Amino acid sequence: MKRRAAEPGSNPGQYLLRVAWQSTLVLAVVAVFGLMAPESSAPFVVTVSVTMFVLGLLLLLFGLLYGLKRSRVETITVAGLFLLQNSAPRSTQRLFAWSMVLQLAVAFTAAALKPYTDITFVLLAPILPVGSAALWSAQHGFFPKRDCDPA
């Protein structure tokens, strides 16, 4: 893979960063709505949370499969693929990390305020920025070339 992110004016995978941050906003709105009207919003909260969870799992799967494809010619590490360690620019790492941290904070706060209710389904949603980070790394991450013949 070419290091397109190093080129000036190039911003690969911007859509995955938008997915992570837009899902953070959606989760915050859904959590507040679920806390304000727990009885009437329960189906909405559960549907949105489970949808975000499933989408995050799909992104994780696609990231894993794309990383597996790249592993034939590059040395892919688990930390590099899923946590962006040494595979992404620092700014990209921070953006994904803050999205994950904020989603976890929103989810745990909402679940702690109304335990044993449907609002606890928001704990599933933070897998979406994890999945988008994994797919970003698999598509645009920097990994060293393998020394030996992949065949």
C-alpha atoms as a PDB file:
ATOM      1  CA  MET A   1       0.000   0.000   0.000  1.00  0.00           C
ATOM      2  CA  LYS A   2       1.185   3.455  -0.735  1.00  0.00           C
ATOM      3  CA  ARG A   3       1.467   5.985   2.033  1.00  0.00           C
ATOM      4  CA  ARG A   4      -1.219   8.278   0.692  1.00  0.00           C
ATOM      5  CA  ALA A   5      -1.865   9.823   4.093  1.00  0.00           C
ATOM      6  CA  ALA A   6       1.623  11.314   4.047  1.00  0.00           C
ATOM      7  CA  GLU A   7       0.904  13.293   0.882  1.00  0.00           C
ATOM      8  CA  PRO A   8      -0.130  16.903   1.461  1.00  0.00           C
ATOM      9  CA  GLY A   9      -3.829  17.515   0.992  1.00  0.00           C
ATOM     10  CA  SER A  10      -4.618  13.791   1.054  1.00  0.00           C
ATOM     11  CA  ASN A  11      -6.976  12.499   3.719  1.00  0.00           C
ATOM     12  CA  PRO A  12      -7.743   8.821   3.118  1.00  0.00           C
ATOM     13  CA  GLY A  13     -10.502   7.142   5.046  1.00  0.00           C
ATOM     14  CA  GLN A  14     -12.174  10.402   6.009  1.00  0.00           C
ATOM     15  CA  TYR A  15     -15.569   8.699   5.711  1.00  0.00           C
ATOM     16  CA  LEU A  16     -14.620   6.258   8.479  1.00  0.00           C
ATOM     17  CA  LEU A  17     -13.683   9.121  10.779  1.00  0.00           C
ATOM     18  CA  ARG A  18     -17.041  10.740  10.007  1.00  0.00           C
ATOM     19  CA  VAL A  19     -18.817   7.468  10.809  1.00  0.00           C
ATOM     20  CA  ALA A  20     -17.061   7.301  14.179  1.00  0.00           C
ATOM     21  CA  TRP A  21     -17.893  10.894  15.134  1.00  0.00           C
ATOM     22  CA  GLN A  22     -21.433  10.916  13.755  1.00  0.00           C
ATOM     23  CA  SER A  23     -22.156   7.713  15.650  1.00  0.00           C
ATOM     24  CA  THR A  24     -20.835   9.418  18.801  1.00  0.00           C
ATOM     25  CA  LEU A  25     -23.328  12.224  18.310  1.00  0.00           C
ATOM     26  CA  VAL A  26     -26.163   9.785  17.575  1.00  0.00           C
ATOM     27  CA  LEU A  27     -25.351   7.768  20.693  1.00  0.00           C
ATOM     28  CA  ALA A  28     -25.353  10.883  22.869  1.00  0.00           C
ATOM     29  CA  VAL A  29     -28.738  12.001  21.501  1.00  0.00           C
ATOM     30  CA  VAL A  30     -30.236   8.521  21.876  1.00  0.00           C
ATOM     31  CA  ALA A  31     -28.910   8.193  25.434  1.00  0.00           C
ATOM     32  CA  VAL A  32     -30.336  11.563  26.468  1.00  0.00           C
ATOM     33  CA  PHE A  33     -33.660  10.727  24.836  1.00  0.00           C
ATOM     34  CA  GLY A  34     -33.679   7.358  26.567  1.00  0.00           C
ATOM     35  CA  LEU A  35     -32.955   8.913  29.948  1.00  0.00           C
ATOM     36  CA  MET A  36     -35.610  11.611  29.573  1.00  0.00           C
ATOM     37  CA  ALA A  37     -38.433   9.312  28.449  1.00  0.00           C
ATOM     38  CA  PRO A  38     -37.454   5.747  29.360  1.00  0.00           C
ATOM     39  CA  GLU A  39     -40.834   4.105  28.758  1.00  0.00           C
ATOM     40  CA  SER A  40     -41.682   5.632  25.404  1.00  0.00           C
ATOM     41  CA  SER A  41     -38.156   5.577  23.968  1.00  0.00           C
ATOM     42  CA  ALA A  42     -37.205   2.002  24.864  1.00  0.00           C
ATOM     43  CA  PRO A  43     -37.820   0.453  21.389  1.00  0.00           C
ATOM     44  CA  PHE A  44     -35.976   3.340  19.715  1.00  0.00           C
ATOM     45  CA  VAL A  45     -32.984   3.098  22.060  1.00  0.00           C
ATOM     46  CA  VAL A  46     -32.737  -0.669  21.644  1.00  0.00           C
ATOM     47  CA  THR A  47     -33.071  -0.478  17.841  1.00  0.00           C
ATOM     48  CA  VAL A  48     -30.442   2.233  17.417  1.00  0.00           C
ATOM     49  CA  SER A  49     -28.024   0.589  19.857  1.00  0.00           C
ATOM     50  CA  VAL A  50     -28.291  -2.855  18.280  1.00  0.00           C
ATOM     51  CA  THR A  51     -27.997  -1.345  14.777  1.00  0.00           C
ATOM     52  CA  MET A  52     -24.806   0.467  15.782  1.00  0.00           C
ATOM     53  CA  PHE A  53     -23.489  -2.765  17.317  1.00  0.00           C
ATOM     54  CA  VAL A  54     -24.192  -4.828  14.187  1.00  0.00           C
ATOM     55  CA  LEU A  55     -22.699  -2.158  11.923  1.00  0.00           C
ATOM     56  CA  GLY A  56     -19.604  -2.074  14.140  1.00  0.00           C
ATOM     57  CA  LEU A  57     -19.277  -5.861  13.943  1.00  0.00           C
ATOM     58  CA  LEU A  58     -19.547  -5.714  10.144  1.00  0.00           C
ATOM     59  CA  LEU A  59     -16.856  -3.046   9.974  1.00  0.00           C
ATOM     60  CA  LEU A  60     -14.666  -5.168  12.259  1.00  0.00           C
ATOM     61  CA  LEU A  61     -15.211  -8.195  10.005  1.00  0.00           C
ATOM     62  CA  PHE A  62     -14.385  -6.227   6.854  1.00  0.00           C
ATOM     63  CA  GLY A  63     -11.310  -4.786   8.576  1.00  0.00           C
ATOM     64  CA  LEU A  64     -10.175  -8.255   9.592  1.00  0.00           C
ATOM     65  CA  LEU A  65     -10.716  -9.674   6.104  1.00  0.00           C
ATOM     66  CA  TYR A  66      -8.968  -6.769   4.392  1.00  0.00           C
ATOM     67  CA  GLY A  67      -6.106  -6.997   6.910  1.00  0.00           C
ATOM     68  CA  LEU A  68      -5.871 -10.726   6.206  1.00  0.00           C
ATOM     69  CA  LYS A  69      -5.572  -9.957   2.497  1.00  0.00           C
ATOM     70  CA  ARG A  70      -2.806  -7.417   3.153  1.00  0.00           C
ATOM     71  CA  SER A  71      -0.976  -9.815   5.485  1.00  0.00           C
ATOM     72  CA  ARG A  72       0.305 -11.788   2.495  1.00  0.00           C
ATOM     73  CA  VAL A  73       2.709  -8.993   1.578  1.00  0.00           C
ATOM     74  CA  GLU A  74       2.875  -6.898   4.761  1.00  0.00           C
ATOM     75  CA  THR A  75       3.428  -7.645   8.439  1.00  0.00           C
ATOM     76  CA  ILE A  76       0.066  -6.861  10.032  1.00  0.00           C
ATOM     77  CA  THR A  77      -0.025  -6.687  13.829  1.00  0.00           C
ATOM     78  CA  VAL A  78      -3.118  -6.984  15.992  1.00  0.00           C
ATOM     79  CA  ALA A  79      -2.304  -3.744  17.792  1.00  0.00           C
ATOM     80  CA  GLY A  80      -1.728  -2.002  14.486  1.00  0.00           C
ATOM     81  CA  LEU A  81      -4.897  -3.334  12.906  1.00  0.00           C
ATOM     82  CA  PHE A  82      -7.350  -2.832  15.758  1.00  0.00           C
ATOM     83  CA  LEU A  83      -5.729  -0.105  17.873  1.00  0.00           C
ATOM     84  CA  LEU A  84      -3.908   1.810  15.084  1.00  0.00           C
ATOM     85  CA  GLN A  85      -0.604   1.454  16.965  1.00  0.00           C
ATOM     86  CA  ASN A  86       2.262   2.463  14.639  1.00  0.00           C
ATOM     87  CA  SER A  87      -0.040   2.129  11.625  1.00  0.00           C
ATOM     88  CA  ALA A  88      -1.781   5.509  11.530  1.00  0.00           C
ATOM     89  CA  PRO A  89      -0.807   9.145  11.900  1.00  0.00           C
ATOM     90  CA  ARG A  90      -1.038  10.471  15.452  1.00  0.00           C
ATOM     91  CA  SER A  91      -3.922  12.787  14.559  1.00  0.00           C
ATOM     92  CA  THR A  92      -5.986   9.889  13.195  1.00  0.00           C
ATOM     93  CA  GLN A  93      -5.209   7.782  16.262  1.00  0.00           C
ATOM     94  CA  ARG A  94      -6.378  10.603  18.533  1.00  0.00           C
ATOM     95  CA  LEU A  95      -9.598  11.184  16.597  1.00  0.00           C
ATOM     96  CA  PHE A  96     -10.600   7.524  16.753  1.00  0.00           C
ATOM     97  CA  ALA A  97      -9.517   7.218  20.395  1.00  0.00           C
ATOM     98  CA  TRP A  98     -11.525  10.258  21.503  1.00  0.00           C
ATOM     99  CA  SER A  99     -14.580   8.976  19.662  1.00  0.00           C
ATOM    100  CA  MET A 100     -14.271   5.636  21.471  1.00  0.00           C
ATOM    101  CA  VAL A 101     -13.685   7.276  24.856  1.00  0.00           C
ATOM    102  CA  LEU A 102     -16.660   9.611  24.483  1.00  0.00           C
ATOM    103  CA  GLN A 103     -18.959   6.799  23.398  1.00  0.00           C
ATOM    104  CA  LEU A 104     -17.871   4.659  26.328  1.00  0.00           C
ATOM    105  CA  ALA A 105     -18.380   7.564  28.733  1.00  0.00           C
ATOM    106  CA  VAL A 106     -21.872   8.271  27.375  1.00  0.00           C
ATOM    107  CA  ALA A 107     -22.833   4.598  27.400  1.00  0.00           C
ATOM    108  CA  PHE A 108     -21.585   3.850  30.912  1.00  0.00           C
ATOM    109  CA  THR A 109     -23.059   7.051  32.312  1.00  0.00           C
ATOM    110  CA  ALA A 110     -26.481   6.361  30.790  1.00  0.00           C
ATOM    111  CA  ALA A 111     -26.436   2.743  31.938  1.00  0.00           C
ATOM    112  CA  ALA A 112     -25.377   3.759  35.446  1.00  0.00           C
ATOM    113  CA  LEU A 113     -28.169   6.330  35.729  1.00  0.00           C
ATOM    114  CA  LYS A 114     -30.888   3.826  34.772  1.00  0.00           C
ATOM    115  CA  PRO A 115     -29.602   0.314  35.484  1.00  0.00           C
ATOM    116  CA  TYR A 116     -31.782  -2.702  34.726  1.00  0.00           C
ATOM    117  CA  THR A 117     -33.718  -0.859  32.003  1.00  0.00           C
ATOM    118  CA  ASP A 118     -33.576  -0.824  28.216  1.00  0.00           C
ATOM    119  CA  ILE A 119     -31.157   2.112  28.271  1.00  0.00           C
ATOM    120  CA  THR A 120     -28.373  -0.359  29.094  1.00  0.00           C
ATOM    121  CA  PHE A 121     -28.469  -1.467  25.453  1.00  0.00           C
ATOM    122  CA  VAL A 122     -26.390   1.641  24.700  1.00  0.00           C
ATOM    123  CA  LEU A 123     -23.414  -0.308  26.069  1.00  0.00           C
ATOM    124  CA  LEU A 124     -23.383  -2.230  22.756  1.00  0.00           C
ATOM    125  CA  ALA A 125     -23.000   0.848  20.553  1.00  0.00           C
ATOM    126  CA  PRO A 126     -19.328   1.780  21.215  1.00  0.00           C
ATOM    127  CA  ILE A 127     -18.187  -1.109  19.012  1.00  0.00           C
ATOM    128  CA  LEU A 128     -18.893   1.108  15.975  1.00  0.00           C
ATOM    129  CA  PRO A 129     -15.840   3.398  16.319  1.00  0.00           C
ATOM    130  CA  VAL A 130     -13.721   0.324  17.076  1.00  0.00           C
ATOM    131  CA  GLY A 131     -14.901  -1.255  13.832  1.00  0.00           C
ATOM    132  CA  SER A 132     -14.394   1.898  11.811  1.00  0.00           C
ATOM    133  CA  ALA A 133     -10.851   2.257  13.214  1.00  0.00           C
ATOM    134  CA  ALA A 134     -10.078  -1.359  12.290  1.00  0.00           C
ATOM    135  CA  LEU A 135     -11.342  -0.855   8.750  1.00  0.00           C
ATOM    136  CA  TRP A 136      -9.388   2.409   8.459  1.00  0.00           C
ATOM    137  CA  SER A 137      -6.213   0.657   9.539  1.00  0.00           C
ATOM    138  CA  ALA A 138      -6.795  -2.271   7.201  1.00  0.00           C
ATOM    139  CA  GLN A 139      -7.386  -0.010   4.215  1.00  0.00           C
ATOM    140  CA  HIS A 140      -5.039   2.902   4.880  1.00  0.00           C
ATOM    141  CA  GLY A 141      -2.653   1.830   7.649  1.00  0.00           C
ATOM    142  CA  PHE A 142       1.120   1.710   7.272  1.00  0.00           C
ATOM    143  CA  PHE A 143       2.632  -1.711   7.798  1.00  0.00           C
ATOM    144  CA  PRO A 144       6.150  -2.925   6.972  1.00  0.00           C
ATOM    145  CA  LYS A 145       6.658  -5.162   3.959  1.00  0.00           C
ATOM    146  CA  ARG A 146       7.355  -8.823   4.566  1.00  0.00           C
ATOM    147  CA  ASP A 147      10.959  -9.916   4.075  1.00  0.00           C
ATOM    148  CA  CYS A 148      10.186 -13.347   2.666  1.00  0.00           C
ATOM    149  CA  ASP A 149       8.261 -14.528  -0.384  1.00  0.00           C
ATOM    150  CA  PRO A 150       4.511 -14.666   0.458  1.00  0.00           C
ATOM    151  CA  ALA A 151       4.001 -17.833  -1.586  1.00  0.00           C
END
